[in-house]
Protein backbone atom coordinates (compact mmCIF):
# COMPACT_ATOMS: atom_id res chain seq x y z
CA MET A 1 -22.59 110.45 36.04
CA ALA A 2 -22.99 108.00 33.41
CA TYR A 3 -26.46 107.00 32.20
CA ARG A 4 -27.38 103.62 33.12
CA ARG A 5 -30.72 101.71 31.28
CA ILE A 6 -32.29 99.40 33.34
CA GLY A 7 -33.68 96.38 31.32
CA PRO A 8 -32.49 94.46 28.25
CA ILE A 9 -30.73 96.28 25.13
CA GLU A 10 -32.34 95.14 22.01
CA THR A 11 -31.16 97.44 19.25
CA LEU A 12 -28.29 99.55 18.37
CA ASN A 13 -29.78 102.85 19.59
CA GLU A 14 -30.29 101.63 22.89
CA ALA A 15 -26.67 100.16 23.10
CA TRP A 16 -25.94 103.66 21.75
CA ARG A 17 -28.16 105.65 24.32
CA ALA A 18 -26.71 103.52 27.49
CA ARG A 19 -22.81 104.14 26.19
CA VAL A 20 -21.93 100.27 26.08
CA ASP A 21 -19.97 99.03 23.06
CA LEU A 22 -20.63 95.72 21.16
CA TRP A 23 -18.22 92.74 21.12
CA VAL A 24 -18.54 90.56 17.88
CA LEU A 25 -17.56 87.17 18.46
CA CYS A 26 -16.33 84.44 15.74
CA ARG A 27 -18.39 81.09 17.01
CA GLY A 28 -16.29 79.57 14.03
CA CYS A 29 -12.62 80.68 14.83
CA GLY A 30 -12.71 82.95 17.90
CA HIS A 31 -12.07 85.92 16.44
CA ALA A 32 -13.48 89.02 18.08
CA ARG A 33 -13.59 92.75 17.73
CA ARG A 34 -15.07 95.46 19.68
CA VAL A 35 -17.65 97.71 17.74
CA LYS A 36 -18.87 101.25 18.62
CA PRO A 37 -22.68 101.27 18.38
CA GLY A 38 -23.04 104.85 17.13
CA HIS A 39 -20.99 104.14 13.86
CA LEU A 40 -23.46 101.26 13.11
CA VAL A 41 -26.30 103.47 13.57
CA VAL A 42 -25.20 105.78 11.05
CA ASP A 43 -23.93 103.15 8.65
CA ARG A 44 -27.03 100.84 8.99
CA GLY A 45 -29.69 102.43 10.67
CA ASP A 46 -31.44 101.11 14.13
CA LEU A 47 -31.19 97.57 13.77
CA SER A 48 -31.76 94.85 16.57
CA LEU A 49 -28.91 93.16 17.84
CA ALA A 50 -30.28 89.62 16.75
CA LYS A 51 -30.98 91.06 13.27
CA LEU A 52 -27.39 92.65 12.93
CA GLN A 53 -25.52 89.29 14.53
CA SER A 54 -27.08 87.42 11.68
CA ARG A 55 -25.49 89.68 8.83
CA PHE A 56 -22.23 89.75 10.35
CA LYS A 57 -19.54 87.96 8.84
CA CYS A 58 -15.75 86.97 10.34
CA ARG A 59 -13.15 89.18 8.41
CA ARG A 60 -10.70 86.15 9.63
CA CYS A 61 -12.15 82.88 8.56
CA ASN A 62 -15.36 84.50 6.62
CA ALA A 63 -18.13 82.55 8.93
CA GLN A 64 -21.16 84.23 9.10
CA ARG A 65 -21.52 82.76 12.64
CA ALA A 66 -21.33 86.18 14.71
CA ALA A 67 -22.47 86.33 18.63
CA ILE A 68 -23.03 89.91 19.91
CA VAL A 69 -21.92 90.45 23.78
CA LEU A 70 -22.46 93.92 25.57
CA HIS A 71 -19.22 95.52 26.90
CA ASP A 72 -20.59 97.98 29.55
CA GLU A 73 -17.45 98.99 31.25
CA ALA A 74 -17.25 102.68 31.14
CA GLY A 75 -14.00 104.03 29.17
CA PRO A 76 -12.16 107.31 29.04
CA GLY A 77 -14.55 110.24 27.56
CA ARG A 78 -18.14 108.39 28.70
């Protein structure tokens, strides 16, 4: 049985513990990519999602206009 968090997810560590992935969407060109919060916790520490959102830069158009969306569908190995 998967652990389900009740309440808002506001940090990378909370997203990792709730076993949700993140979609990072560019509001400039629409480019999207799926990110594992566990990888980001190791690289950047436990940031708030709002702070993380302000730091992302699009690989396609180089704009710094990211939006972060939680992706909570359980996949294989979860």
